Amino acid sequence: MSIAFITTRELSKQPARVLARVKKLGPQIITVNGQPTAYLVGASPLGIEADIDILRALRLRQALAAAQAESLRAGTADLDLAAIDAEIAAARAARPARPAEKAKPPRPARKSTATKRSA
């Protein structure tokens, strides 16, 4: 499987050729000003629902990887449970107290609108 880089210009000028290349060679990377922006991937025989599920799983993995990278960057990757609990307690203590919510009066019971059927 050969992954090629395709410019947005090429995609807009020759979409049929690009799609044929995806079908023949597999995923292609779309670039904007030389930067990878999107992936063009052919549909699988499993159907669109399965493909969407796979794409959602990919997005979830991307989000997880980004959160892990941010944790490493911030130096919080090695916190133990006690340190995490301390961070949470400090953040809660630092935020202003919320005003107490007024208790809502109970809603009146609905009257039955059922009518008797005549036999």
PDB file of N, CA and C in Angstrom:
ATOM      1  N   MET A   1       0.850  -1.166   0.000  1.00  0.00           N
ATOM      2  CA  MET A   1       0.000   0.000   0.000  1.00  0.00           C
ATOM      3  C   MET A   1       0.897   1.231   0.000  1.00  0.00           C
ATOM      4  N   SER A   2       0.689   2.098  -0.970  1.00  0.00           N
ATOM      5  CA  SER A   2       1.492   3.292  -1.129  1.00  0.00           C
ATOM      6  C   SER A   2       0.662   4.520  -0.760  1.00  0.00           C
ATOM      7  N   ILE A   3       1.118   5.264   0.233  1.00  0.00           N
ATOM      8  CA  ILE A   3       0.409   6.473   0.627  1.00  0.00           C
ATOM      9  C   ILE A   3       1.053   7.650  -0.079  1.00  0.00           C
ATOM     10  N   ALA A   4       0.250   8.398  -0.827  1.00  0.00           N
ATOM     11  CA  ALA A   4       0.755   9.540  -1.581  1.00  0.00           C
ATOM     12  C   ALA A   4       0.219  10.830  -0.981  1.00  0.00           C
ATOM     13  N   PHE A   5       0.922  11.902  -1.215  1.00  0.00           N
ATOM     14  CA  PHE A   5       0.488  13.230  -0.811  1.00  0.00           C
ATOM     15  C   PHE A   5      -0.155  13.896  -2.019  1.00  0.00           C
ATOM     16  N   ILE A   6      -1.343  14.447  -1.820  1.00  0.00           N
ATOM     17  CA  ILE A   6      -2.095  15.079  -2.895  1.00  0.00           C
ATOM     18  C   ILE A   6      -2.445  16.496  -2.464  1.00  0.00           C
ATOM     19  N   THR A   7      -2.215  17.459  -3.328  1.00  0.00           N
ATOM     20  CA  THR A   7      -2.559  18.838  -2.996  1.00  0.00           C
ATOM     21  C   THR A   7      -4.057  19.049  -3.193  1.00  0.00           C
ATOM     22  N   THR A   8      -4.584  20.046  -2.506  1.00  0.00           N
ATOM     23  CA  THR A   8      -5.998  20.367  -2.693  1.00  0.00           C
ATOM     24  C   THR A   8      -6.269  20.795  -4.124  1.00  0.00           C
ATOM     25  N   ARG A   9      -5.278  21.415  -4.736  1.00  0.00           N
ATOM     26  CA  ARG A   9      -5.439  21.826  -6.140  1.00  0.00           C
ATOM     27  C   ARG A   9      -5.622  20.606  -7.041  1.00  0.00           C
ATOM     28  N   GLU A  10      -4.766  19.590  -6.842  1.00  0.00           N
ATOM     29  CA  GLU A  10      -4.887  18.364  -7.643  1.00  0.00           C
ATOM     30  C   GLU A  10      -6.236  17.698  -7.399  1.00  0.00           C
ATOM     31  N   LEU A  11      -6.672  17.688  -6.145  1.00  0.00           N
ATOM     32  CA  LEU A  11      -7.959  17.085  -5.817  1.00  0.00           C
ATOM     33  C   LEU A  11      -9.106  17.822  -6.490  1.00  0.00           C
ATOM     34  N   SER A  12      -9.044  19.150  -6.521  1.00  0.00           N
ATOM     35  CA  SER A  12     -10.129  19.905  -7.142  1.00  0.00           C
ATOM     36  C   SER A  12     -10.100  19.827  -8.667  1.00  0.00           C
ATOM     37  N   LYS A  13      -8.909  19.709  -9.254  1.00  0.00           N
ATOM     38  CA  LYS A  13      -8.791  19.669 -10.717  1.00  0.00           C
ATOM     39  C   LYS A  13      -9.056  18.278 -11.295  1.00  0.00           C
ATOM     40  N   GLN A  14      -8.662  17.217 -10.545  1.00  0.00           N
ATOM     41  CA  GLN A  14      -8.785  15.855 -11.067  1.00  0.00           C
ATOM     42  C   GLN A  14      -9.350  14.906 -10.008  1.00  0.00           C
ATOM     43  N   PRO A  15     -10.562  15.161  -9.538  1.00  0.00           N
ATOM     44  CA  PRO A  15     -11.107  14.319  -8.467  1.00  0.00           C
ATOM     45  C   PRO A  15     -11.262  12.851  -8.867  1.00  0.00           C
ATOM     46  N   ALA A  16     -11.661  12.590 -10.099  1.00  0.00           N
ATOM     47  CA  ALA A  16     -11.835  11.192 -10.529  1.00  0.00           C
ATOM     48  C   ALA A  16     -10.511  10.446 -10.503  1.00  0.00           C
ATOM     49  N   ARG A  17      -9.449  11.093 -10.932  1.00  0.00           N
ATOM     50  CA  ARG A  17      -8.125  10.462 -10.925  1.00  0.00           C
ATOM     51  C   ARG A  17      -7.672  10.192  -9.483  1.00  0.00           C
ATOM     52  N   VAL A  18      -7.905  11.147  -8.602  1.00  0.00           N
ATOM     53  CA  VAL A  18      -7.506  10.973  -7.197  1.00  0.00           C
ATOM     54  C   VAL A  18      -8.291   9.830  -6.568  1.00  0.00           C
ATOM     55  N   LEU A  19      -9.593   9.777  -6.815  1.00  0.00           N
ATOM     56  CA  LEU A  19     -10.407   8.699  -6.249  1.00  0.00           C
ATOM     57  C   LEU A  19     -10.010   7.338  -6.816  1.00  0.00           C
ATOM     58  N   ALA A  20      -9.647   7.289  -8.084  1.00  0.00           N
ATOM     59  CA  ALA A  20      -9.178   6.032  -8.674  1.00  0.00           C
ATOM     60  C   ALA A  20      -7.877   5.594  -8.008  1.00  0.00           C
ATOM     61  N   ARG A  21      -7.033   6.560  -7.695  1.00  0.00           N
ATOM     62  CA  ARG A  21      -5.760   6.243  -7.020  1.00  0.00           C
ATOM     63  C   ARG A  21      -6.026   5.709  -5.607  1.00  0.00           C
ATOM     64  N   VAL A  22      -7.015   6.282  -4.937  1.00  0.00           N
ATOM     65  CA  VAL A  22      -7.372   5.792  -3.595  1.00  0.00           C
ATOM     66  C   VAL A  22      -7.839   4.343  -3.696  1.00  0.00           C
ATOM     67  N   LYS A  23      -8.679   4.074  -4.672  1.00  0.00           N
ATOM     68  CA  LYS A  23      -9.199   2.712  -4.833  1.00  0.00           C
ATOM     69  C   LYS A  23      -8.082   1.727  -5.163  1.00  0.00           C
ATOM     70  N   LYS A  24      -7.140   2.160  -5.982  1.00  0.00           N
ATOM     71  CA  LYS A  24      -6.064   1.269  -6.423  1.00  0.00           C
ATOM     72  C   LYS A  24      -4.932   1.152  -5.399  1.00  0.00           C
ATOM     73  N   LEU A  25      -4.503   2.299  -4.840  1.00  0.00           N
ATOM     74  CA  LEU A  25      -3.305   2.312  -4.000  1.00  0.00           C
ATOM     75  C   LEU A  25      -3.571   2.431  -2.501  1.00  0.00           C
ATOM     76  N   GLY A  26      -4.789   2.818  -2.118  1.00  0.00           N
ATOM     77  CA  GLY A  26      -5.085   2.962  -0.702  1.00  0.00           C
ATOM     78  C   GLY A  26      -5.105   4.415  -0.258  1.00  0.00           C
ATOM     79  N   PRO A  27      -5.016   4.657   1.036  1.00  0.00           N
ATOM     80  CA  PRO A  27      -5.168   6.000   1.596  1.00  0.00           C
ATOM     81  C   PRO A  27      -4.211   7.023   0.979  1.00  0.00           C
ATOM     82  N   GLN A  28      -4.704   8.239   0.844  1.00  0.00           N
ATOM     83  CA  GLN A  28      -3.928   9.353   0.321  1.00  0.00           C
ATOM     84  C   GLN A  28      -4.018  10.494   1.332  1.00  0.00           C
ATOM     85  N   ILE A  29      -2.983  11.285   1.401  1.00  0.00           N
ATOM     86  CA  ILE A  29      -2.948  12.406   2.337  1.00  0.00           C
ATOM     87  C   ILE A  29      -3.159  13.698   1.557  1.00  0.00           C
ATOM     88  N   ILE A  30      -4.149  14.465   1.968  1.00  0.00           N
ATOM     89  CA  ILE A  30      -4.451  15.738   1.317  1.00  0.00           C
ATOM     90  C   ILE A  30      -3.665  16.832   2.046  1.00  0.00           C
ATOM     91  N   THR A  31      -2.988  17.676   1.272  1.00  0.00           N
ATOM     92  CA  THR A  31      -2.189  18.746   1.869  1.00  0.00           C
ATOM     93  C   THR A  31      -2.726  20.114   1.463  1.00  0.00           C
ATOM     94  N   VAL A  32      -2.550  21.069   2.367  1.00  0.00           N
ATOM     95  CA  VAL A  32      -2.854  22.474   2.108  1.00  0.00           C
ATOM     96  C   VAL A  32      -1.578  23.243   2.419  1.00  0.00           C
ATOM     97  N   ASN A  33      -1.047  23.913   1.424  1.00  0.00           N
ATOM     98  CA  ASN A  33       0.222  24.636   1.564  1.00  0.00           C
ATOM     99  C   ASN A  33       1.335  23.726   2.096  1.00  0.00           C
ATOM    100  N   GLY A  34       1.337  22.487   1.638  1.00  0.00           N
ATOM    101  CA  GLY A  34       2.379  21.542   2.014  1.00  0.00           C
ATOM    102  C   GLY A  34       2.181  20.861   3.356  1.00  0.00           C
ATOM    103  N   GLN A  35       1.122  21.210   4.082  1.00  0.00           N
ATOM    104  CA  GLN A  35       0.871  20.620   5.397  1.00  0.00           C
ATOM    105  C   GLN A  35      -0.231  19.564   5.303  1.00  0.00           C
ATOM    106  N   PRO A  36      -0.010  18.377   5.854  1.00  0.00           N
ATOM    107  CA  PRO A  36      -1.068  17.361   5.854  1.00  0.00           C
ATOM    108  C   PRO A  36      -2.307  17.891   6.575  1.00  0.00           C
ATOM    109  N   THR A  37      -3.452  17.743   5.920  1.00  0.00           N
ATOM    110  CA  THR A  37      -4.686  18.287   6.458  1.00  0.00           C
ATOM    111  C   THR A  37      -5.760  17.226   6.643  1.00  0.00           C
ATOM    112  N   ALA A  38      -5.815  16.272   5.720  1.00  0.00           N
ATOM    113  CA  ALA A  38      -6.867  15.256   5.783  1.00  0.00           C
ATOM    114  C   ALA A  38      -6.368  13.973   5.135  1.00  0.00           C
ATOM    115  N   TYR A  39      -7.089  12.904   5.427  1.00  0.00           N
ATOM    116  CA  TYR A  39      -6.804  11.617   4.822  1.00  0.00           C
ATOM    117  C   TYR A  39      -7.974  11.254   3.929  1.00  0.00           C
ATOM    118  N   LEU A  40      -7.665  10.746   2.782  1.00  0.00           N
ATOM    119  CA  LEU A  40      -8.686  10.266   1.873  1.00  0.00           C
ATOM    120  C   LEU A  40      -8.567   8.754   1.852  1.00  0.00           C
ATOM    121  N   VAL A  41      -9.610   8.083   2.316  1.00  0.00           N
ATOM    122  CA  VAL A  41      -9.574   6.634   2.465  1.00  0.00           C
ATOM    123  C   VAL A  41     -10.777   6.044   1.749  1.00  0.00           C
ATOM    124  N   GLY A  42     -10.571   4.954   1.076  1.00  0.00           N
ATOM    125  CA  GLY A  42     -11.670   4.287   0.392  1.00  0.00           C
ATOM    126  C   GLY A  42     -12.633   3.635   1.374  1.00  0.00           C
ATOM    127  N   ALA A  43     -13.866   3.468   0.927  1.00  0.00           N
ATOM    128  CA  ALA A  43     -14.874   2.796   1.750  1.00  0.00           C
ATOM    129  C   ALA A  43     -14.557   1.304   1.795  1.00  0.00           C
ATOM    130  N   SER A  44     -14.895   0.690   2.926  1.00  0.00           N
ATOM    131  CA  SER A  44     -14.633  -0.746   3.064  1.00  0.00           C
ATOM    132  C   SER A  44     -15.872  -1.543   2.679  1.00  0.00           C
ATOM    133  N   PRO A  45     -15.713  -2.825   2.448  1.00  0.00           N
ATOM    134  CA  PRO A  45     -16.878  -3.651   2.130  1.00  0.00           C
ATOM    135  C   PRO A  45     -17.781  -3.888   3.347  1.00  0.00           C
ATOM    136  N   LEU A  46     -17.340  -3.447   4.518  1.00  0.00           N
ATOM    137  CA  LEU A  46     -18.134  -3.648   5.734  1.00  0.00           C
ATOM    138  C   LEU A  46     -19.360  -2.744   5.779  1.00  0.00           C
ATOM    139  N   GLY A  47     -19.359  -1.685   4.990  1.00  0.00           N
ATOM    140  CA  GLY A  47     -20.496  -0.766   4.975  1.00  0.00           C
ATOM    141  C   GLY A  47     -20.172   0.539   5.666  1.00  0.00           C
ATOM    142  N   ILE A  48     -20.979   1.534   5.394  1.00  0.00           N
ATOM    143  CA  ILE A  48     -20.720   2.886   5.884  1.00  0.00           C
ATOM    144  C   ILE A  48     -20.778   2.966   7.411  1.00  0.00           C
ATOM    145  N   GLU A  49     -21.705   2.241   8.028  1.00  0.00           N
ATOM    146  CA  GLU A  49     -21.820   2.299   9.489  1.00  0.00           C
ATOM    147  C   GLU A  49     -20.548   1.787  10.154  1.00  0.00           C
ATOM    148  N   ALA A  50     -20.007   0.683   9.640  1.00  0.00           N
ATOM    149  CA  ALA A  50     -18.764   0.132  10.192  1.00  0.00           C
ATOM    150  C   ALA A  50     -17.607   1.103   9.974  1.00  0.00           C
ATOM    151  N   ASP A  51     -17.565   1.726   8.794  1.00  0.00           N
ATOM    152  CA  ASP A  51     -16.503   2.691   8.511  1.00  0.00           C
ATOM    153  C   ASP A  51     -16.588   3.891   9.453  1.00  0.00           C
ATOM    154  N   ILE A  52     -17.801   4.369   9.697  1.00  0.00           N
ATOM    155  CA  ILE A  52     -17.978   5.511  10.606  1.00  0.00           C
ATOM    156  C   ILE A  52     -17.554   5.131  12.019  1.00  0.00           C
ATOM    157  N   ASP A  53     -17.892   3.925  12.455  1.00  0.00           N
ATOM    158  CA  ASP A  53     -17.455   3.463  13.779  1.00  0.00           C
ATOM    159  C   ASP A  53     -15.929   3.436  13.867  1.00  0.00           C
ATOM    160  N   ILE A  54     -15.284   2.966  12.812  1.00  0.00           N
ATOM    161  CA  ILE A  54     -13.816   2.913  12.788  1.00  0.00           C
ATOM    162  C   ILE A  54     -13.234   4.323  12.837  1.00  0.00           C
ATOM    163  N   LEU A  55     -13.832   5.243  12.081  1.00  0.00           N
ATOM    164  CA  LEU A  55     -13.355   6.630  12.086  1.00  0.00           C
ATOM    165  C   LEU A  55     -13.556   7.282  13.457  1.00  0.00           C
ATOM    166  N   ARG A  56     -14.661   6.974  14.120  1.00  0.00           N
ATOM    167  CA  ARG A  56     -14.889   7.505  15.479  1.00  0.00           C
ATOM    168  C   ARG A  56     -13.843   6.957  16.446  1.00  0.00           C
ATOM    169  N   ALA A  57     -13.501   5.690  16.308  1.00  0.00           N
ATOM    170  CA  ALA A  57     -12.465   5.099  17.156  1.00  0.00           C
ATOM    171  C   ALA A  57     -11.120   5.768  16.904  1.00  0.00           C
ATOM    172  N   LEU A  58     -10.844   6.089  15.644  1.00  0.00           N
ATOM    173  CA  LEU A  58      -9.617   6.808  15.314  1.00  0.00           C
ATOM    174  C   LEU A  58      -9.592   8.177  15.979  1.00  0.00           C
ATOM    175  N   ARG A  59     -10.694   8.914  15.897  1.00  0.00           N
ATOM    176  CA  ARG A  59     -10.763  10.247  16.518  1.00  0.00           C
ATOM    177  C   ARG A  59     -10.578  10.144  18.034  1.00  0.00           C
ATOM    178  N   LEU A  60     -11.144   9.095  18.639  1.00  0.00           N
ATOM    179  CA  LEU A  60     -10.977   8.886  20.068  1.00  0.00           C
ATOM    180  C   LEU A  60      -9.509   8.637  20.408  1.00  0.00           C
ATOM    181  N   ARG A  61      -8.848   7.814  19.609  1.00  0.00           N
ATOM    182  CA  ARG A  61      -7.416   7.551  19.835  1.00  0.00           C
ATOM    183  C   ARG A  61      -6.588   8.818  19.656  1.00  0.00           C
ATOM    184  N   GLN A  62      -6.952   9.643  18.675  1.00  0.00           N
ATOM    185  CA  GLN A  62      -6.245  10.912  18.476  1.00  0.00           C
ATOM    186  C   GLN A  62      -6.418  11.819  19.692  1.00  0.00           C
ATOM    187  N   ALA A  63      -7.636  11.890  20.222  1.00  0.00           N
ATOM    188  CA  ALA A  63      -7.900  12.726  21.396  1.00  0.00           C
ATOM    189  C   ALA A  63      -7.132  12.203  22.610  1.00  0.00           C
ATOM    190  N   LEU A  64      -7.100  10.891  22.788  1.00  0.00           N
ATOM    191  CA  LEU A  64      -6.370  10.292  23.897  1.00  0.00           C
ATOM    192  C   LEU A  64      -4.875  10.569  23.778  1.00  0.00           C
ATOM    193  N   ALA A  65      -4.335  10.419  22.576  1.00  0.00           N
ATOM    194  CA  ALA A  65      -2.908  10.689  22.361  1.00  0.00           C
ATOM    195  C   ALA A  65      -2.593  12.156  22.648  1.00  0.00           C
ATOM    196  N   ALA A  66      -3.485  13.066  22.253  1.00  0.00           N
ATOM    197  CA  ALA A  66      -3.272  14.493  22.518  1.00  0.00           C
ATOM    198  C   ALA A  66      -3.311  14.771  24.021  1.00  0.00           C
ATOM    199  N   ALA A  67      -4.243  14.135  24.739  1.00  0.00           N
ATOM    200  CA  ALA A  67      -4.325  14.327  26.190  1.00  0.00           C
ATOM    201  C   ALA A  67      -3.081  13.772  26.886  1.00  0.00           C
ATOM    202  N   GLN A  68      -2.601  12.631  26.425  1.00  0.00           N
ATOM    203  CA  GLN A  68      -1.397  12.053  27.012  1.00  0.00           C
ATOM    204  C   GLN A  68      -0.179  12.935  26.736  1.00  0.00           C
ATOM    205  N   ALA A  69      -0.074  13.476  25.527  1.00  0.00           N
ATOM    206  CA  ALA A  69       1.045  14.361  25.196  1.00  0.00           C
ATOM    207  C   ALA A  69       0.989  15.629  26.044  1.00  0.00           C
ATOM    208  N   GLU A  70      -0.208  16.173  26.249  1.00  0.00           N
ATOM    209  CA  GLU A  70      -0.360  17.370  27.082  1.00  0.00           C
ATOM    210  C   GLU A  70       0.010  17.061  28.531  1.00  0.00           C
ATOM    211  N   SER A  71      -0.354  15.879  29.005  1.00  0.00           N
ATOM    212  CA  SER A  71      -0.004  15.468  30.354  1.00  0.00           C
ATOM    213  C   SER A  71       1.508  15.367  30.533  1.00  0.00           C
ATOM    214  N   LEU A  72       2.176  14.822  29.528  1.00  0.00           N
ATOM    215  CA  LEU A  72       3.643  14.747  29.576  1.00  0.00           C
ATOM    216  C   LEU A  72       4.252  16.151  29.556  1.00  0.00           C
ATOM    217  N   ARG A  73       3.710  17.024  28.686  1.00  0.00           N
ATOM    218  CA  ARG A  73       4.224  18.387  28.575  1.00  0.00           C
ATOM    219  C   ARG A  73       4.044  19.163  29.877  1.00  0.00           C
ATOM    220  N   ALA A  74       2.899  18.952  30.537  1.00  0.00           N
ATOM    221  CA  ALA A  74       2.592  19.675  31.764  1.00  0.00           C
ATOM    222  C   ALA A  74       3.247  19.049  32.993  1.00  0.00           C
ATOM    223  N   GLY A  75       3.841  17.870  32.826  1.00  0.00           N
ATOM    224  CA  GLY A  75       4.484  17.202  33.951  1.00  0.00           C
ATOM    225  C   GLY A  75       3.516  16.505  34.886  1.00  0.00           C
ATOM    226  N   THR A  76       2.315  16.216  34.402  1.00  0.00           N
ATOM    227  CA  THR A  76       1.317  15.569  35.256  1.00  0.00           C
ATOM    228  C   THR A  76       1.136  14.086  34.944  1.00  0.00           C
ATOM    229  N   ALA A  77       1.954  13.539  34.075  1.00  0.00           N
ATOM    230  CA  ALA A  77       1.793  12.143  33.661  1.00  0.00           C
ATOM    231  C   ALA A  77       2.096  11.153  34.782  1.00  0.00           C
ATOM    232  N   ASP A  78       2.927  11.545  35.736  1.00  0.00           N
ATOM    233  CA  ASP A  78       3.339  10.614  36.784  1.00  0.00           C
ATOM    234  C   ASP A  78       2.652  10.852  38.121  1.00  0.00           C
ATOM    235  N   LEU A  79       1.575  11.623  38.139  1.00  0.00           N
ATOM    236  CA  LEU A  79       0.873  11.877  39.395  1.00  0.00           C
ATOM    237  C   LEU A  79       0.222  10.594  39.905  1.00  0.00           C
ATOM    238  N   ASP A  80       0.320  10.370  41.213  1.00  0.00           N
ATOM    239  CA  ASP A  80      -0.385   9.226  41.778  1.00  0.00           C
ATOM    240  C   ASP A  80      -1.779   9.684  42.207  1.00  0.00           C
ATOM    241  N   LEU A  81      -2.606   8.755  42.677  1.00  0.00           N
ATOM    242  CA  LEU A  81      -3.990   9.061  43.013  1.00  0.00           C
ATOM    243  C   LEU A  81      -4.090  10.115  44.111  1.00  0.00           C
ATOM    244  N   ALA A  82      -3.206  10.060  45.096  1.00  0.00           N
ATOM    245  CA  ALA A  82      -3.242  11.044  46.182  1.00  0.00           C
ATOM    246  C   ALA A  82      -2.952  12.444  45.644  1.00  0.00           C
ATOM    247  N   ALA A  83      -2.001  12.570  44.718  1.00  0.00           N
ATOM    248  CA  ALA A  83      -1.674  13.874  44.136  1.00  0.00           C
ATOM    249  C   ALA A  83      -2.829  14.383  43.274  1.00  0.00           C
ATOM    250  N   ILE A  84      -3.486  13.489  42.573  1.00  0.00           N
ATOM    251  CA  ILE A  84      -4.640  13.882  41.756  1.00  0.00           C
ATOM    252  C   ILE A  84      -5.759  14.387  42.653  1.00  0.00           C
ATOM    253  N   ASP A  85      -6.027  13.663  43.743  1.00  0.00           N
ATOM    254  CA  ASP A  85      -7.059  14.090  44.692  1.00  0.00           C
ATOM    255  C   ASP A  85      -6.721  15.448  45.292  1.00  0.00           C
ATOM    256  N   ALA A  86      -5.445  15.680  45.589  1.00  0.00           N
ATOM    257  CA  ALA A  86      -5.018  16.969  46.138  1.00  0.00           C
ATOM    258  C   ALA A  86      -5.225  18.084  45.119  1.00  0.00           C
ATOM    259  N   GLU A  87      -4.926  17.828  43.847  1.00  0.00           N
ATOM    260  CA  GLU A  87      -5.146  18.823  42.778  1.00  0.00           C
ATOM    261  C   GLU A  87      -6.628  19.167  42.663  1.00  0.00           C
ATOM    262  N   ILE A  88      -7.467  18.153  42.720  1.00  0.00           N
ATOM    263  CA  ILE A  88      -8.917  18.380  42.622  1.00  0.00           C
ATOM    264  C   ILE A  88      -9.398  19.203  43.807  1.00  0.00           C
ATOM    265  N   ALA A  89      -8.959  18.840  45.006  1.00  0.00           N
ATOM    266  CA  ALA A  89      -9.378  19.576  46.205  1.00  0.00           C
ATOM    267  C   ALA A  89      -8.913  21.024  46.145  1.00  0.00           C
ATOM    268  N   ALA A  90      -7.699  21.268  45.672  1.00  0.00           N
ATOM    269  CA  ALA A  90      -7.189  22.639  45.573  1.00  0.00           C
ATOM    270  C   ALA A  90      -7.990  23.445  44.554  1.00  0.00           C
ATOM    271  N   ALA A  91      -8.332  22.832  43.428  1.00  0.00           N
ATOM    272  CA  ALA A  91      -9.114  23.536  42.410  1.00  0.00           C
ATOM    273  C   ALA A  91     -10.505  23.861  42.921  1.00  0.00           C
ATOM    274  N   ARG A  92     -11.108  22.935  43.655  1.00  0.00           N
ATOM    275  CA  ARG A  92     -12.443  23.191  44.214  1.00  0.00           C
ATOM    276  C   ARG A  92     -12.399  24.281  45.271  1.00  0.00           C
ATOM    277  N   ALA A  93     -11.353  24.294  46.078  1.00  0.00           N
ATOM    278  CA  ALA A  93     -11.231  25.312  47.125  1.00  0.00           C
ATOM    279  C   ALA A  93     -10.997  26.695  46.522  1.00  0.00           C
ATOM    280  N   ALA A  94     -10.351  26.760  45.371  1.00  0.00           N
ATOM    281  CA  ALA A  94     -10.020  28.040  44.750  1.00  0.00           C
ATOM    282  C   ALA A  94     -11.195  28.676  44.020  1.00  0.00           C
ATOM    283  N   ARG A  95     -12.158  27.899  43.630  1.00  0.00           N
ATOM    284  CA  ARG A  95     -13.275  28.495  42.887  1.00  0.00           C
ATOM    285  C   ARG A  95     -14.290  29.099  43.854  1.00  0.00           C
ATOM    286  N   PRO A  96     -14.972  30.147  43.403  1.00  0.00           N
ATOM    287  CA  PRO A  96     -15.935  30.808  44.280  1.00  0.00           C
ATOM    288  C   PRO A  96     -17.111  29.885  44.587  1.00  0.00           C
ATOM    289  N   ALA A  97     -17.676  30.090  45.755  1.00  0.00           N
ATOM    290  CA  ALA A  97     -18.811  29.269  46.156  1.00  0.00           C
ATOM    291  C   ALA A  97     -20.010  29.602  45.285  1.00  0.00           C
ATOM    292  N   ARG A  98     -20.750  28.599  44.946  1.00  0.00           N
ATOM    293  CA  ARG A  98     -21.958  28.802  44.144  1.00  0.00           C
ATOM    294  C   ARG A  98     -23.110  29.149  45.069  1.00  0.00           C
ATOM    295  N   PRO A  99     -23.991  30.040  44.630  1.00  0.00           N
ATOM    296  CA  PRO A  99     -25.156  30.332  45.468  1.00  0.00           C
ATOM    297  C   PRO A  99     -26.043  29.092  45.560  1.00  0.00           C
ATOM    298  N   ALA A 100     -26.655  28.927  46.707  1.00  0.00           N
ATOM    299  CA  ALA A 100     -27.522  27.767  46.898  1.00  0.00           C
ATOM    300  C   ALA A 100     -28.713  27.876  45.958  1.00  0.00           C
ATOM    301  N   GLU A 101     -29.066  26.763  45.370  1.00  0.00           N
ATOM    302  CA  GLU A 101     -30.214  26.762  44.467  1.00  0.00           C
ATOM    303  C   GLU A 101     -31.492  26.780  45.289  1.00  0.00           C
ATOM    304  N   LYS A 102     -32.457  27.534  44.788  1.00  0.00           N
ATOM    305  CA  LYS A 102     -33.754  27.562  45.459  1.00  0.00           C
ATOM    306  C   LYS A 102     -34.460  26.248  45.187  1.00  0.00           C
ATOM    307  N   ALA A 103     -35.095  25.741  46.223  1.00  0.00           N
ATOM    308  CA  ALA A 103     -35.825  24.493  46.045  1.00  0.00           C
ATOM    309  C   ALA A 103     -37.050  24.765  45.185  1.00  0.00           C
ATOM    310  N   LYS A 104     -37.249  23.939  44.200  1.00  0.00           N
ATOM    311  CA  LYS A 104     -38.400  24.098  43.336  1.00  0.00           C
ATOM    312  C   LYS A 104     -39.610  23.473  44.004  1.00  0.00           C
ATOM    313  N   PRO A 105     -40.757  24.176  43.944  1.00  0.00           N
ATOM    314  CA  PRO A 105     -41.956  23.573  44.545  1.00  0.00           C
ATOM    315  C   PRO A 105     -42.366  22.351  43.743  1.00  0.00           C
ATOM    316  N   PRO A 106     -42.959  21.381  44.397  1.00  0.00           N
ATOM    317  CA  PRO A 106     -43.381  20.177  43.674  1.00  0.00           C
ATOM    318  C   PRO A 106     -44.433  20.530  42.622  1.00  0.00           C
ATOM    319  N   ARG A 107     -44.375  19.832  41.518  1.00  0.00           N
ATOM    320  CA  ARG A 107     -45.353  20.065  40.460  1.00  0.00           C
ATOM    321  C   ARG A 107     -46.675  19.433  40.847  1.00  0.00           C
ATOM    322  N   PRO A 108     -47.775  20.122  40.524  1.00  0.00           N
ATOM    323  CA  PRO A 108     -49.079  19.527  40.864  1.00  0.00           C
ATOM    324  C   PRO A 108     -49.311  18.267  40.038  1.00  0.00           C
ATOM    325  N   ALA A 109     -50.050  17.351  40.616  1.00  0.00           N
ATOM    326  CA  ALA A 109     -50.356  16.100  39.922  1.00  0.00           C
ATOM    327  C   ALA A 109     -51.249  16.395  38.725  1.00  0.00           C
ATOM    328  N   ARG A 110     -51.021  15.672  37.647  1.00  0.00           N
ATOM    329  CA  ARG A 110     -51.834  15.860  36.453  1.00  0.00           C
ATOM    330  C   ARG A 110     -53.199  15.217  36.640  1.00  0.00           C
ATOM    331  N   LYS A 111     -54.203  15.890  36.098  1.00  0.00           N
ATOM    332  CA  LYS A 111     -55.526  15.310  36.150  1.00  0.00           C
ATOM    333  C   LYS A 111     -55.680  14.314  35.013  1.00  0.00           C
ATOM    334  N   SER A 112     -56.357  13.261  35.283  1.00  0.00           N
ATOM    335  CA  SER A 112     -56.543  12.221  34.277  1.00  0.00           C
ATOM    336  C   SER A 112     -57.489  12.732  33.199  1.00  0.00           C
ATOM    337  N   THR A 113     -57.090  12.534  31.945  1.00  0.00           N
ATOM    338  CA  THR A 113     -57.936  12.949  30.824  1.00  0.00           C
ATOM    339  C   THR A 113     -58.584  11.748  30.156  1.00  0.00           C
ATOM    340  N   ALA A 114     -58.425  10.598  30.779  1.00  0.00           N
ATOM    341  CA  ALA A 114     -58.992   9.375  30.182  1.00  0.00           C
ATOM    342  C   ALA A 114     -60.504   9.442  30.280  1.00  0.00           C
ATOM    343  N   THR A 115     -61.162   9.036  29.234  1.00  0.00           N
ATOM    344  CA  THR A 115     -62.626   9.016  29.221  1.00  0.00           C
ATOM    345  C   THR A 115     -63.099   7.570  29.208  1.00  0.00           C
ATOM    346  N   LYS A 116     -64.274   7.379  29.740  1.00  0.00           N
ATOM    347  CA  LYS A 116     -64.850   6.028  29.754  1.00  0.00           C
ATOM    348  C   LYS A 116     -65.353   5.697  28.360  1.00  0.00           C
ATOM    349  N   ARG A 117     -65.116   4.478  27.957  1.00  0.00           N
ATOM    350  CA  ARG A 117     -65.631   4.027  26.671  1.00  0.00           C
ATOM    351  C   ARG A 117     -67.007   3.419  26.864  1.00  0.00           C
ATOM    352  N   SER A 118     -67.847   3.734  25.959  1.00  0.00           N
ATOM    353  CA  SER A 118     -69.176   3.149  26.071  1.00  0.00           C
ATOM    354  C   SER A 118     -69.231   1.835  25.303  1.00  0.00           C
ATOM    355  N   ALA A 119     -69.911   0.883  25.866  1.00  0.00           N
ATOM    356  CA  ALA A 119     -69.958  -0.445  25.241  1.00  0.00           C
ATOM    357  C   ALA A 119     -71.175  -0.635  24.416  1.00  0.00           C
TER     358      ALA A 119
END
